[in-house]
Amino acid sequence: MTSSNYKTAHTVVYIKRGTTGLSGELIGICDALFIGFYTGRAIRCCVSPRSSPAVYSTVITRDLFDFGLLHMPLNSTLISKSPPPPAPSPLEKVLQHAPPSFKSPYAVTITGQEPKDYASRISTLKSVGGTIQLNTLHVLADRFILNGRANGLLADLGLLFSRFERGVRGHELYGTVDRYYGRCVKSLFRPSAQVQAWLEKFEAALGDGVRIGVHIRMGQGKSDWTDSRPFLEQKHVDAFIKRLKKFVAQQRRSHKGGVKIFLSTDSSEEEALMRRSFPGMVVTTEGFRRSHVGGVRAAKVTQEAVMKAVLDQMLLGKCDYLFLTRMSGFSKMGLYFAEENTSFKYIWLRLLQSL
């Protein structure tokens, strides 16, 4: 069934919650997709010229993404430096689901905070009749994967070699979570023609040498917008820059093509510091005003700011090495747009020792 007019109450719908930004919304769609796979549900589509064709979202639009669910089939080979076992891609898996076009009450709403946590007890989702609403602020794939109940699905998606493996634990768990989101993001959220044109312009500035991607999110009191949460202190950035200079020198000695740094940051001060520290090497998405796109404290979200956020994440994904901010969903999304197994480290004093 492929008709967009097919009507069914057996669906899962993702709805943006609160001040969730671009990264959180992309993650939310991937979580909805996981539930759709596991329970045989359709993914709710809401098609209009400037709205998302799959979710209720103010920033994920056709202007920005060539949303894969509307363009089947796609090549089943997912982007990876280390190819996974042969498996259908998430998009091909979705072919069995028809996008609905109707309004119906929700049988259950998942926030990740309710006492009866359907996200961690994923087997109970199959018994839910009607439409499931996903309305979360944080990732859920770790809960989906942790108890081993979804191993069959994970094996089908190439994330496990066998459905008979034990539940995934520890560092292996979060590696599997990152692979799931990475494969979904690269398959589902391909750049629109407009975004691709901008990407090519900035990629030309990065050149064909070594590309180092850096995301510095300062947060509270340090960003260009009002942010209630601190992420980095100046001492972390200063220590990182010292180590980055050594890393750049090493790369210059071993690569004749030169080195460029793509910088994404929430702070004009940190951008100026990076430009002083690495003259002529720093590339940013100049011409676009930076801002949070989740509507923090009623801040007006502009299309310009959304475009910058999308470009920054995708350009981080074009880099050979990544240096990211801990606990930042924006940083993680840059990693998910990158090729699988791209080298990354966090800008944090004790985590930079091996740099």
Protein backbone atom coordinates (compact mmCIF):
# COMPACT_ATOMS: atom_id res chain seq x y z
CA MET A 1 0.00 0.00 0.00
CA THR A 2 1.63 3.26 -1.06
CA SER A 3 -1.28 5.69 -1.44
CA SER A 4 -1.04 8.81 0.73
CA ASN A 5 -4.81 8.69 1.15
CA TYR A 6 -4.82 5.30 2.88
CA LYS A 7 -6.68 5.66 6.19
CA THR A 8 -5.64 3.73 9.29
CA ALA A 9 -5.66 4.32 13.02
CA HIS A 10 -2.58 2.11 13.43
CA THR A 11 0.00 4.91 13.39
CA VAL A 12 2.74 6.61 15.34
CA VAL A 13 2.94 10.41 15.35
CA TYR A 14 5.85 12.56 16.53
CA ILE A 15 4.96 16.04 17.80
CA LYS A 16 7.57 18.63 18.79
CA ARG A 17 7.59 19.36 22.50
CA GLY A 18 8.32 22.69 24.17
CA THR A 19 11.58 24.31 23.11
CA THR A 20 12.94 21.23 21.35
CA GLY A 21 15.44 22.41 18.74
CA LEU A 22 16.33 21.06 15.32
CA SER A 23 18.43 18.16 16.62
CA GLY A 24 15.78 17.03 19.08
CA GLU A 25 13.15 17.02 16.37
CA LEU A 26 15.30 14.96 14.01
CA ILE A 27 15.94 12.48 16.84
CA GLY A 28 12.22 12.39 17.65
CA ILE A 29 11.38 11.40 14.09
CA CYS A 30 13.97 8.61 14.23
CA ASP A 31 12.39 7.39 17.48
CA ALA A 32 8.94 7.42 15.90
CA LEU A 33 10.38 5.42 13.02
CA PHE A 34 11.74 2.82 15.44
CA ILE A 35 8.31 2.40 17.01
CA GLY A 36 6.79 2.22 13.54
CA PHE A 37 9.20 -0.55 12.54
CA TYR A 38 8.67 -2.52 15.72
CA THR A 39 4.87 -2.33 15.88
CA GLY A 40 4.08 -2.33 12.15
CA ARG A 41 2.66 1.19 12.37
CA ALA A 42 2.52 3.84 9.71
CA ILE A 43 4.45 7.05 10.27
CA ARG A 44 2.02 9.96 10.43
CA CYS A 45 2.38 12.36 7.51
CA CYS A 46 1.15 15.94 7.41
CA VAL A 47 1.85 17.33 3.95
CA SER A 48 1.70 21.02 3.16
CA PRO A 49 4.05 23.33 1.22
CA ARG A 50 6.10 24.54 4.20
CA SER A 51 5.39 21.92 6.85
CA SER A 52 7.12 18.62 7.34
CA PRO A 53 5.70 15.79 5.22
CA ALA A 54 6.03 13.38 8.13
CA VAL A 55 5.68 15.20 11.44
CA TYR A 56 4.26 18.29 13.05
CA SER A 57 7.32 20.55 13.06
CA THR A 58 8.03 24.23 12.57
CA VAL A 59 11.62 23.83 11.35
CA ILE A 60 11.79 20.55 9.42
CA THR A 61 10.39 21.53 6.05
CA ARG A 62 10.65 20.65 2.39
CA ASP A 63 12.67 23.82 1.86
CA LEU A 64 15.47 22.20 3.85
CA PHE A 65 15.17 18.45 3.42
CA ASP A 66 14.54 16.10 0.55
CA PHE A 67 12.59 13.92 2.95
CA GLY A 68 13.31 10.32 2.01
CA LEU A 69 9.95 8.81 2.92
CA LEU A 70 8.43 10.56 -0.07
CA HIS A 71 11.07 9.37 -2.53
CA MET A 72 11.17 5.57 -2.60
CA PRO A 73 13.05 3.45 -3.30
CA LEU A 74 16.55 4.44 -2.28
CA ASN A 75 19.80 2.54 -2.49
CA SER A 76 19.95 0.01 0.34
CA THR A 77 23.65 0.69 0.94
CA LEU A 78 23.89 3.01 3.94
CA ILE A 79 26.78 5.46 4.32
CA SER A 80 29.52 3.70 6.29
CA LYS A 81 33.28 3.38 6.38
CA SER A 82 32.81 -0.16 7.71
CA PRO A 83 29.85 -1.66 5.79
CA PRO A 84 27.32 -3.42 8.06
CA PRO A 85 25.94 -6.87 7.25
CA PRO A 86 23.54 -6.81 4.26
CA ALA A 87 20.19 -5.48 5.44
CA PRO A 88 17.29 -3.39 4.17
CA SER A 89 17.67 0.32 4.76
CA PRO A 90 15.19 2.04 7.09
CA LEU A 91 13.54 3.67 4.09
CA GLU A 92 12.98 0.39 2.30
CA LYS A 93 11.58 -1.02 5.52
CA VAL A 94 9.04 1.79 5.60
CA LEU A 95 7.72 0.91 2.15
CA GLN A 96 5.28 -1.47 3.81
CA HIS A 97 3.68 1.43 5.68
CA ALA A 98 1.21 3.79 4.01
CA PRO A 99 1.18 7.41 5.22
CA PRO A 100 -2.25 8.18 6.71
CA SER A 101 -4.34 11.28 6.17
CA PHE A 102 -6.78 11.58 9.02
CA LYS A 103 -7.27 12.83 12.57
CA SER A 104 -7.85 10.47 15.48
CA PRO A 105 -7.42 10.43 19.27
CA TYR A 106 -4.20 8.98 20.70
CA ALA A 107 -4.29 5.62 22.46
CA VAL A 108 -1.11 6.47 24.35
CA THR A 109 1.34 9.37 24.54
CA ILE A 110 5.01 8.64 25.23
CA THR A 111 7.08 11.36 26.87
CA GLY A 112 9.84 9.20 28.36
CA GLN A 113 8.81 10.38 31.82
CA GLU A 114 5.55 8.53 32.48
CA PRO A 115 5.40 5.85 35.24
CA LYS A 116 4.40 3.20 32.70
CA ASP A 117 7.38 3.73 30.46
CA TYR A 118 6.42 2.29 27.09
CA ALA A 119 9.82 3.26 25.73
CA SER A 120 11.73 0.91 28.04
CA ARG A 121 9.04 -1.78 27.90
CA ILE A 122 8.91 -1.79 24.14
CA SER A 123 7.21 -5.20 23.95
CA THR A 124 4.06 -3.63 25.44
CA LEU A 125 3.78 -1.25 22.49
CA LYS A 126 2.60 -4.06 20.25
CA SER A 127 -0.45 -4.51 22.45
CA VAL A 128 -1.48 -0.86 22.20
CA GLY A 129 -4.42 -0.35 19.86
CA GLY A 130 -4.81 2.89 17.93
CA THR A 131 -2.44 5.79 17.44
CA ILE A 132 0.71 6.32 19.51
CA GLN A 133 1.91 9.88 20.03
CA LEU A 134 5.62 10.46 20.67
CA ASN A 135 6.17 13.76 22.49
CA THR A 136 9.67 13.72 23.99
CA LEU A 137 12.62 15.98 24.77
CA HIS A 138 15.31 13.30 24.89
CA VAL A 139 16.53 10.28 22.95
CA LEU A 140 14.73 6.99 23.44
CA ALA A 141 16.69 4.54 21.28
CA ASP A 142 18.79 3.43 24.26
CA ARG A 143 15.59 2.28 25.99
CA PHE A 144 14.36 0.57 22.85
CA ILE A 145 17.63 -1.34 22.49
CA LEU A 146 18.60 -2.02 26.12
CA ASN A 147 16.33 -4.94 27.04
CA GLY A 148 16.95 -7.05 23.93
CA ARG A 149 13.25 -7.28 22.99
CA ALA A 150 13.92 -5.50 19.69
CA ASN A 151 16.92 -7.63 18.66
CA GLY A 152 15.05 -9.05 15.68
CA LEU A 153 14.47 -5.57 14.33
CA LEU A 154 18.05 -4.51 15.07
CA ALA A 155 19.35 -7.53 13.16
CA ASP A 156 17.07 -6.69 10.23
CA LEU A 157 18.49 -3.15 10.21
CA GLY A 158 22.08 -4.43 10.27
CA LEU A 159 22.80 -3.13 13.78
CA LEU A 160 23.27 -6.64 15.21
CA PHE A 161 24.65 -9.69 13.47
CA SER A 162 21.98 -11.94 14.95
CA ARG A 163 18.64 -11.60 16.68
CA PHE A 164 19.92 -14.12 19.22
CA GLU A 165 22.55 -11.80 20.65
CA ARG A 166 22.12 -10.77 24.27
CA GLY A 167 20.81 -7.33 25.16
CA VAL A 168 23.30 -4.57 24.33
CA ARG A 169 25.04 -3.04 27.37
CA GLY A 170 27.56 -0.35 28.39
CA HIS A 171 29.64 1.42 25.74
CA GLU A 172 28.35 -1.06 23.18
CA LEU A 173 24.81 0.18 23.86
CA TYR A 174 25.59 3.80 23.04
CA GLY A 175 27.64 2.81 20.01
CA THR A 176 24.59 0.93 18.72
CA VAL A 177 22.35 3.90 19.53
CA ASP A 178 24.66 6.21 17.56
CA ARG A 179 24.71 3.83 14.58
CA TYR A 180 20.90 3.65 14.54
CA TYR A 181 20.47 7.42 14.60
CA GLY A 182 23.30 7.94 12.14
CA ARG A 183 21.82 5.58 9.57
CA CYS A 184 18.33 7.01 9.98
CA VAL A 185 19.49 10.63 9.77
CA LYS A 186 21.59 10.11 6.66
CA SER A 187 18.81 8.12 4.97
CA LEU A 188 15.85 10.30 5.94
CA PHE A 189 17.15 13.86 5.97
CA ARG A 190 18.93 14.46 2.70
CA PRO A 191 19.56 18.10 1.74
CA SER A 192 17.09 19.88 -0.49
CA ALA A 193 18.38 21.42 -3.72
CA GLN A 194 18.59 24.80 -1.98
CA VAL A 195 20.59 23.42 0.95
CA GLN A 196 22.82 21.39 -1.37
CA ALA A 197 23.77 24.54 -3.29
CA TRP A 198 24.89 26.22 -0.06
CA LEU A 199 26.74 23.09 1.07
CA GLU A 200 28.74 23.03 -2.14
CA LYS A 201 29.72 26.67 -1.66
CA PHE A 202 31.04 26.11 1.87
CA GLU A 203 32.64 22.79 0.97
CA ALA A 204 34.62 24.59 -1.73
CA ALA A 205 35.98 26.87 1.00
CA LEU A 206 36.97 23.82 3.04
CA GLY A 207 38.92 22.42 0.12
CA ASP A 208 40.13 18.88 -0.53
CA GLY A 209 42.64 18.60 2.30
CA VAL A 210 42.07 17.53 5.88
CA ARG A 211 38.83 18.88 7.33
CA ILE A 212 38.52 19.30 11.08
CA GLY A 213 35.00 19.94 12.37
CA VAL A 214 34.61 21.81 15.68
CA HIS A 215 31.38 22.49 17.55
CA ILE A 216 31.78 24.82 20.53
CA ARG A 217 28.57 25.31 22.49
CA MET A 218 29.10 27.58 25.46
CA GLY A 219 25.53 27.94 26.67
CA GLN A 220 24.36 30.03 29.61
CA GLY A 221 25.83 33.54 29.69
CA LYS A 222 28.23 32.89 26.81
CA SER A 223 26.02 32.30 23.76
CA ASP A 224 24.62 34.89 21.34
CA TRP A 225 21.12 34.06 22.57
CA THR A 226 19.54 33.44 25.96
CA ASP A 227 20.36 29.90 27.06
CA SER A 228 19.41 28.51 30.46
CA ARG A 229 22.01 25.73 30.44
CA PRO A 230 25.83 25.95 30.63
CA PHE A 231 27.87 23.59 28.44
CA LEU A 232 31.52 24.71 28.37
CA GLU A 233 33.72 27.01 30.43
CA GLN A 234 36.38 29.19 28.85
CA LYS A 235 39.15 27.07 30.40
CA HIS A 236 37.86 24.08 28.44
CA VAL A 237 38.02 25.98 25.15
CA ASP A 238 41.45 27.45 25.93
CA ALA A 239 42.88 24.00 26.73
CA PHE A 240 41.27 22.57 23.60
CA ILE A 241 42.80 25.24 21.36
CA LYS A 242 46.29 24.48 22.67
CA ARG A 243 45.87 20.79 21.89
CA LEU A 244 44.19 21.51 18.57
CA LYS A 245 47.21 23.54 17.46
CA LYS A 246 49.40 20.47 17.99
CA PHE A 247 46.93 18.26 16.13
CA VAL A 248 46.79 20.69 13.20
CA ALA A 249 50.60 20.76 13.03
CA GLN A 250 50.66 16.95 12.89
CA GLN A 251 48.09 16.90 10.10
CA ARG A 252 50.00 19.52 8.11
CA ARG A 253 53.17 17.45 8.28
CA SER A 254 51.45 14.30 7.02
CA HIS A 255 49.04 15.79 4.43
CA LYS A 256 50.09 18.00 1.54
CA GLY A 257 46.51 19.10 0.78
CA GLY A 258 46.42 21.47 3.73
CA VAL A 259 44.11 21.70 6.75
CA LYS A 260 40.88 23.63 7.22
CA ILE A 261 38.67 23.93 10.29
CA PHE A 262 34.91 24.10 10.01
CA LEU A 263 33.60 25.90 13.09
CA SER A 264 30.06 25.83 14.43
CA THR A 265 29.46 27.77 17.65
CA ASP A 266 26.78 29.64 19.59
CA SER A 267 29.24 32.40 20.48
CA SER A 268 30.64 35.22 18.35
CA GLU A 269 33.40 35.64 20.94
CA GLU A 270 34.53 32.04 20.53
CA GLU A 271 34.45 32.39 16.75
CA ALA A 272 36.73 35.43 16.99
CA LEU A 273 39.07 33.52 19.33
CA MET A 274 39.27 30.58 16.91
CA ARG A 275 40.00 32.89 13.96
CA ARG A 276 42.82 34.56 15.92
CA SER A 277 44.21 31.18 16.96
CA PHE A 278 44.06 29.65 13.46
CA PRO A 279 44.43 32.52 10.96
CA GLY A 280 43.14 31.76 7.48
CA MET A 281 42.00 28.25 8.45
CA VAL A 282 38.54 28.73 9.95
CA VAL A 283 35.44 28.34 7.78
CA THR A 284 31.95 29.21 9.07
CA THR A 285 28.54 29.60 7.49
CA GLU A 286 29.04 33.32 7.07
CA GLY A 287 26.02 35.34 6.02
CA PHE A 288 23.58 33.51 8.30
CA ARG A 289 22.67 34.85 11.73
CA ARG A 290 23.10 32.31 14.52
CA SER A 291 20.21 31.61 16.90
CA HIS A 292 18.62 28.73 18.76
CA VAL A 293 15.76 27.33 16.67
CA GLY A 294 13.75 25.80 19.49
CA GLY A 295 12.09 29.05 20.54
CA VAL A 296 13.92 29.50 23.86
CA ARG A 297 12.06 32.07 25.98
CA ALA A 298 9.75 33.00 23.13
CA ALA A 299 12.65 33.94 20.83
CA LYS A 300 11.44 34.31 17.27
CA VAL A 301 12.72 31.50 15.07
CA THR A 302 13.75 32.80 11.67
CA GLN A 303 14.20 30.77 8.52
CA GLU A 304 17.73 32.19 8.29
CA ALA A 305 18.64 30.74 11.70
CA VAL A 306 17.14 27.37 10.80
CA MET A 307 19.10 27.28 7.54
CA LYS A 308 22.33 28.03 9.42
CA ALA A 309 21.63 25.23 11.90
CA VAL A 310 21.00 22.72 9.10
CA LEU A 311 24.10 23.81 7.17
CA ASP A 312 26.29 23.68 10.29
CA GLN A 313 25.22 20.15 11.15
CA MET A 314 25.63 18.85 7.62
CA LEU A 315 29.02 20.53 7.20
CA LEU A 316 30.25 19.00 10.46
CA GLY A 317 29.26 15.74 8.83
CA LYS A 318 31.58 16.50 5.90
CA CYS A 319 34.67 16.59 8.13
CA ASP A 320 37.37 13.95 8.69
CA TYR A 321 37.79 14.63 12.42
CA LEU A 322 35.23 16.01 14.85
CA PHE A 323 35.63 17.83 18.18
CA LEU A 324 32.26 18.17 19.87
CA THR A 325 30.55 19.51 22.96
CA ARG A 326 29.45 16.96 25.56
CA MET A 327 25.70 16.72 26.25
CA SER A 328 24.87 18.73 23.14
CA GLY A 329 22.31 17.24 20.79
CA PHE A 330 23.53 19.60 18.08
CA SER A 331 27.02 18.08 18.33
CA LYS A 332 25.61 14.57 18.16
CA MET A 333 23.61 15.46 15.05
CA GLY A 334 26.81 16.64 13.37
CA LEU A 335 28.25 13.20 14.17
CA TYR A 336 25.15 11.47 12.77
CA PHE A 337 25.49 13.31 9.46
CA ALA A 338 29.12 12.12 9.24
CA GLU A 339 30.28 8.84 7.81
CA GLU A 340 30.04 5.98 10.26
CA ASN A 341 33.19 5.53 12.40
CA THR A 342 34.35 9.12 11.85
CA SER A 343 36.88 9.96 14.57
CA PHE A 344 35.48 12.27 17.26
CA LYS A 345 36.44 13.59 20.69
CA TYR A 346 34.74 15.89 23.18
CA ILE A 347 36.02 19.34 24.14
CA TRP A 348 36.50 18.49 27.79
CA LEU A 349 39.76 18.63 29.71
CA ARG A 350 40.08 14.99 30.68
CA LEU A 351 38.76 13.76 27.34
CA LEU A 352 41.42 15.61 25.34
CA GLN A 353 44.42 13.88 26.91
CA SER A 354 44.94 11.56 23.94
CA LEU A 355 44.73 14.38 21.37
